[in-house]
Amino acid sequence: MKSPTVVPLAEPGWSSVQSVVNENDFWDVIEKLKRYDAEGILVLPIEKMIA
């Protein structure tokens, strides 16, 4: 929750990024990712989170 997880992929120059985003910021974040040419955006609901 404090910072994203960034994992390099087998394809050089590619990374996977995992992050938790506040629901109120969701669409803004998605649009910013698209402007930076992000691909394969997977959205999963969080049923419960313990901070």
Protein backbone atom coordinates (compact mmCIF):
# COMPACT_ATOMS: atom_id res chain seq x y z
CA MET A 1 0.00 0.00 0.00
CA LYS A 2 2.91 2.36 0.57
CA SER A 3 4.56 1.90 -2.81
CA PRO A 4 4.04 -0.13 -5.99
CA THR A 5 5.72 -3.46 -6.64
CA VAL A 6 7.81 -3.35 -9.83
CA VAL A 7 9.00 -6.63 -11.37
CA PRO A 8 11.13 -6.87 -14.52
CA LEU A 9 9.71 -9.19 -17.19
CA ALA A 10 11.53 -11.62 -19.49
CA GLU A 11 11.18 -9.18 -22.41
CA PRO A 12 13.95 -6.56 -22.09
CA GLY A 13 12.63 -3.12 -21.20
CA TRP A 14 9.31 -4.42 -19.88
CA SER A 15 8.12 -4.44 -16.27
CA SER A 16 5.03 -5.44 -14.33
CA VAL A 17 3.71 -2.94 -11.80
CA GLN A 18 1.28 -3.84 -9.02
CA SER A 19 -0.36 -1.20 -6.89
CA VAL A 20 -3.38 -0.46 -4.73
CA VAL A 21 -5.30 2.62 -5.87
CA ASN A 22 -7.98 4.48 -3.95
CA GLU A 23 -11.34 3.98 -5.67
CA ASN A 24 -11.85 7.75 -5.89
CA ASP A 25 -8.59 8.08 -7.89
CA PHE A 26 -9.10 5.00 -10.05
CA TRP A 27 -10.13 6.55 -13.39
CA ASP A 28 -7.55 9.35 -13.15
CA VAL A 29 -4.81 6.79 -12.58
CA ILE A 30 -6.01 4.62 -15.48
CA GLU A 31 -5.98 7.61 -17.85
CA LYS A 32 -2.46 8.57 -16.75
CA LEU A 33 -1.25 5.00 -17.29
CA LYS A 34 -2.71 5.01 -20.81
CA ARG A 35 -0.98 8.32 -21.61
CA TYR A 36 2.31 6.61 -20.71
CA ASP A 37 1.43 3.74 -23.10
CA ALA A 38 0.72 1.20 -20.35
CA GLU A 39 -0.60 -2.08 -21.73
CA GLY A 40 -2.38 -5.07 -20.27
CA ILE A 41 -3.95 -3.21 -17.36
CA LEU A 42 -5.63 -5.75 -15.09
CA VAL A 43 -8.07 -4.49 -12.48
CA LEU A 44 -8.98 -6.72 -9.56
CA PRO A 45 -11.43 -5.84 -6.79
CA ILE A 46 -10.24 -5.89 -3.21
CA GLU A 47 -12.81 -7.43 -0.91
CA LYS A 48 -10.89 -6.77 2.29
CA MET A 49 -7.72 -4.92 3.11
CA ILE A 50 -5.97 -4.68 6.43
CA ALA A 51 -3.72 -1.66 6.76
